[in-house]
Protein backbone atom coordinates (compact mmCIF):
# COMPACT_ATOMS: atom_id res chain seq x y z
CA UNK A 1 199.18 74.95 80.53
CA UNK A 2 200.22 71.80 78.69
CA UNK A 3 199.52 70.64 75.16
CA UNK A 4 200.63 67.37 73.57
CA UNK A 5 199.86 64.87 70.83
CA UNK A 6 200.13 61.09 70.79
CA UNK A 7 200.30 61.32 66.99
CA UNK A 8 203.60 63.20 66.80
CA UNK A 9 206.31 64.43 69.16
CA UNK A 10 206.88 68.17 69.45
CA UNK A 11 209.29 69.23 66.73
CA UNK A 12 209.02 65.97 64.77
CA UNK A 13 207.26 64.91 61.56
CA UNK A 14 203.51 64.57 61.44
CA UNK A 15 202.74 61.17 59.83
CA UNK A 16 201.52 60.87 56.23
CA UNK A 17 198.16 59.57 57.42
CA UNK A 18 197.42 63.02 58.94
CA UNK A 19 198.40 64.92 55.79
CA UNK A 20 196.14 65.84 52.89
CA UNK A 21 198.86 65.02 50.37
CA UNK A 22 201.92 62.76 50.33
CA UNK A 23 204.90 62.14 48.05
CA UNK A 24 204.57 59.89 45.00
CA UNK A 25 207.70 59.04 43.00
CA UNK A 26 205.96 59.43 39.62
CA UNK A 27 202.98 61.74 40.18
CA UNK A 28 204.87 63.92 42.68
CA UNK A 29 201.85 64.06 44.98
CA UNK A 30 198.74 62.00 45.77
CA UNK A 31 195.99 62.27 48.37
CA UNK A 32 196.74 60.94 51.81
CA UNK A 33 194.73 59.92 54.90
CA UNK A 34 193.93 63.47 56.09
CA UNK A 35 193.21 62.37 59.68
CA UNK A 36 193.25 65.02 62.38
CA UNK A 37 196.01 64.28 64.91
CA UNK A 38 195.40 63.40 68.54
CA UNK A 39 195.45 66.51 70.76
CA UNK A 40 195.56 66.45 74.55
CA UNK A 41 195.70 69.29 77.08
CA UNK A 42 195.93 69.92 80.80
CA UNK A 43 197.00 72.21 83.66
CA UNK A 44 194.78 75.04 82.41
CA UNK A 45 194.13 78.23 84.39
CA UNK A 46 191.33 77.77 86.93
CA UNK A 47 189.25 80.49 85.27
CA UNK A 48 189.26 78.78 81.84
CA UNK A 49 185.76 78.76 80.32
CA UNK A 50 186.48 77.45 76.82
CA UNK A 51 189.33 76.49 74.51
CA UNK A 52 190.34 77.50 71.00
CA UNK A 53 192.64 75.39 68.83
CA UNK A 54 194.37 76.83 65.79
CA UNK A 55 196.79 74.93 63.55
CA UNK A 56 198.70 76.93 60.98
CA UNK A 57 201.68 76.67 58.66
CA UNK A 58 203.83 79.84 58.73
CA UNK A 59 205.87 78.64 55.74
CA UNK A 60 203.32 78.93 52.94
CA UNK A 61 204.83 80.56 49.80
CA UNK A 62 203.65 84.14 49.36
CA UNK A 63 203.73 83.86 45.55
CA UNK A 64 202.52 80.95 43.37
CA UNK A 65 204.99 81.37 40.50
CA UNK A 66 207.14 78.28 41.22
CA UNK A 67 204.64 76.22 43.21
CA UNK A 68 204.27 72.63 41.93
CA UNK A 69 206.03 73.46 38.65
CA UNK A 70 208.20 70.77 37.05
CA UNK A 71 211.83 71.74 36.64
CA UNK A 72 211.53 74.49 39.23
CA UNK A 73 211.83 74.75 42.99
CA UNK A 74 210.24 77.15 45.47
CA UNK A 75 213.24 79.05 46.86
CA UNK A 76 213.92 79.20 50.58
CA UNK A 77 214.40 82.96 50.25
CA UNK A 78 210.77 83.55 49.21
CA UNK A 79 208.64 85.47 51.71
CA UNK A 80 206.40 83.07 53.65
CA UNK A 81 202.88 83.65 55.01
CA UNK A 82 200.40 81.85 57.28
CA UNK A 83 198.18 79.05 55.97
CA UNK A 84 195.47 77.94 58.41
CA UNK A 85 194.77 74.19 58.59
CA UNK A 86 192.41 73.99 61.60
CA UNK A 87 190.33 76.58 63.42
CA UNK A 88 188.28 75.11 66.26
CA UNK A 89 186.40 77.11 68.92
CA UNK A 90 184.09 76.51 71.90
CA UNK A 91 185.89 73.34 72.99
CA UNK A 92 184.98 72.48 76.60
CA UNK A 93 188.11 72.59 78.80
CA UNK A 94 187.07 69.51 80.79
CA UNK A 95 186.33 67.34 77.77
CA UNK A 96 188.34 64.30 76.70
CA UNK A 97 191.35 64.68 74.41
CA UNK A 98 190.64 64.84 70.68
CA UNK A 99 191.27 61.39 69.22
CA UNK A 100 193.15 60.92 65.98
CA UNK A 101 190.64 60.87 63.14
CA UNK A 102 187.73 61.98 65.36
CA UNK A 103 187.06 65.30 63.61
CA UNK A 104 188.45 64.50 60.15
CA UNK A 105 189.17 61.17 58.46
CA UNK A 106 189.86 61.39 54.75
CA UNK A 107 189.78 64.08 52.08
CA UNK A 108 186.33 65.57 51.43
CA UNK A 109 186.16 67.20 47.97
CA UNK A 110 184.51 70.63 48.20
CA UNK A 111 185.01 70.60 51.99
CA UNK A 112 183.25 69.35 55.08
CA UNK A 113 180.14 71.19 56.34
CA UNK A 114 180.28 73.78 59.11
CA UNK A 115 180.60 75.78 61.21
CA UNK A 116 178.78 73.49 63.68
CA UNK A 117 180.99 70.55 64.58
CA UNK A 118 181.42 67.61 66.98
CA UNK A 119 181.11 68.12 70.76
CA UNK A 120 179.13 71.37 70.34
CA UNK A 121 182.21 73.04 68.85
CA UNK A 122 182.32 75.37 65.88
CA UNK A 123 184.86 75.16 63.07
CA UNK A 124 186.27 78.01 61.05
CA UNK A 125 187.23 77.94 57.40
CA UNK A 126 190.72 76.71 56.68
CA UNK A 127 192.79 78.11 53.83
CA UNK A 128 192.09 75.29 51.38
CA UNK A 129 188.93 77.32 50.77
CA UNK A 130 191.03 79.79 48.82
CA UNK A 131 193.59 77.30 47.54
CA UNK A 132 191.01 75.21 45.66
CA UNK A 133 189.08 78.19 44.30
CA UNK A 134 188.56 77.72 40.55
CA UNK A 135 189.00 73.94 40.68
CA UNK A 136 185.62 72.44 39.63
CA UNK A 137 186.28 69.16 41.43
CA UNK A 138 187.49 70.67 44.71
CA UNK A 139 186.22 74.25 45.08
CA UNK A 140 184.10 74.86 48.18
CA UNK A 141 184.11 75.89 51.82
CA UNK A 142 186.62 73.89 53.85
CA UNK A 143 185.61 73.83 57.50
CA UNK A 144 187.60 72.11 60.23
CA UNK A 145 190.86 70.21 59.83
CA UNK A 146 192.55 69.52 56.53
CA UNK A 147 196.14 68.43 56.84
CA UNK A 148 199.50 69.38 55.36
CA UNK A 149 200.03 69.48 51.61
CA UNK A 150 203.00 71.78 51.00
CA UNK A 151 204.25 72.26 47.43
CA UNK A 152 205.94 69.08 46.21
CA UNK A 153 208.86 71.18 44.98
CA UNK A 154 209.36 73.42 48.01
CA UNK A 155 212.99 73.68 49.10
CA UNK A 156 212.13 73.94 52.81
CA UNK A 157 210.44 71.69 55.33
CA UNK A 158 207.20 73.27 56.55
CA UNK A 159 206.29 73.73 60.21
CA UNK A 160 202.79 73.23 61.61
CA UNK A 161 202.04 75.03 64.84
CA UNK A 162 199.14 73.69 66.93
CA UNK A 163 198.21 76.35 69.48
CA UNK A 164 195.63 75.95 72.23
CA UNK A 165 194.22 79.10 73.85
CA UNK A 166 192.48 79.07 77.23
CA UNK A 167 189.74 81.73 77.22
CA UNK A 168 187.83 83.52 79.97
CA UNK A 169 184.55 83.27 77.96
CA UNK A 170 182.35 80.23 77.31
CA UNK A 171 181.79 81.11 73.64
CA UNK A 172 184.39 82.52 71.29
CA UNK A 173 183.17 85.98 70.16
CA UNK A 174 182.83 85.17 66.45
CA UNK A 175 179.60 84.50 64.58
CA UNK A 176 178.57 82.97 61.27
CA UNK A 177 181.40 81.86 59.00
CA UNK A 178 184.83 82.82 60.32
CA UNK A 179 188.53 82.32 59.65
CA UNK A 180 191.68 81.93 61.69
CA UNK A 181 192.41 85.64 61.32
CA UNK A 182 188.91 86.43 62.65
CA UNK A 183 189.45 84.23 65.71
CA UNK A 184 192.88 85.62 66.49
CA UNK A 185 191.41 89.12 66.48
CA UNK A 186 188.29 88.17 68.47
CA UNK A 187 190.13 86.47 71.35
CA UNK A 188 192.41 89.40 72.07
CA UNK A 189 191.88 90.33 75.71
CA UNK A 190 190.28 86.94 76.51
CA UNK A 191 193.36 84.68 76.49
CA UNK A 192 194.35 83.46 79.95
CA UNK A 193 197.17 81.25 78.72
CA UNK A 194 198.30 79.43 75.59
CA UNK A 195 200.51 76.52 74.60
CA UNK A 196 201.97 75.40 71.27
CA UNK A 197 203.37 72.19 69.84
CA UNK A 198 204.93 71.96 66.38
CA UNK A 199 205.03 69.27 63.71
CA UNK A 200 207.02 69.28 60.47
CA UNK A 201 206.22 67.91 57.01
CA UNK A 202 207.50 67.92 53.46
CA UNK A 203 206.56 66.23 50.19
CA UNK A 204 209.89 67.08 48.53
CA UNK A 205 212.55 64.40 49.20
CA UNK A 206 215.22 66.95 48.28
CA UNK A 207 214.23 69.06 51.30
CA UNK A 208 214.93 66.24 53.77
CA UNK A 209 218.40 66.61 55.36
CA UNK A 210 220.75 63.81 54.40
């Protein structure tokens, strides 16, 4: 099974236009283009009935103490946890590649609607749902893709794993509102094959190797 993106090369930076936030020399961070990247796939198992796409960041800080705090930096030694950026199910295996900006183009305060999405797909909640909780201007349910926005003072470059799963069922066995964790659990025993590509991103210039 093959997975690729015309937006970024495996192991390289995802462009600012596909991130939710980008570096600003005075404000530290400002909103960015938040366009979903192009995703293409091929050479799937013959028995593939549907596809699931999950994009997650395994480098999210596990504690908020130093996050986005002036005069401080999130240490590399801090335990890191998953942050889901895109949970997409019921994608037809024979459909065209996902074009850049097709599913998401711009930041939507309070989140895009869901779970029903383009091409008869369904979208899960991404983890900005919890991140923006308590923010009157942004709090809501964030379905579909919302791009990278790591802490502007994080000492490490974050990785973003885009994983496509080929399933032996036509409909992913989740109902109602669901998350990346729900999908990972539901597809156990239904995955014929999977493929992953990885992008990187940082907002902290100090984290970029010289």
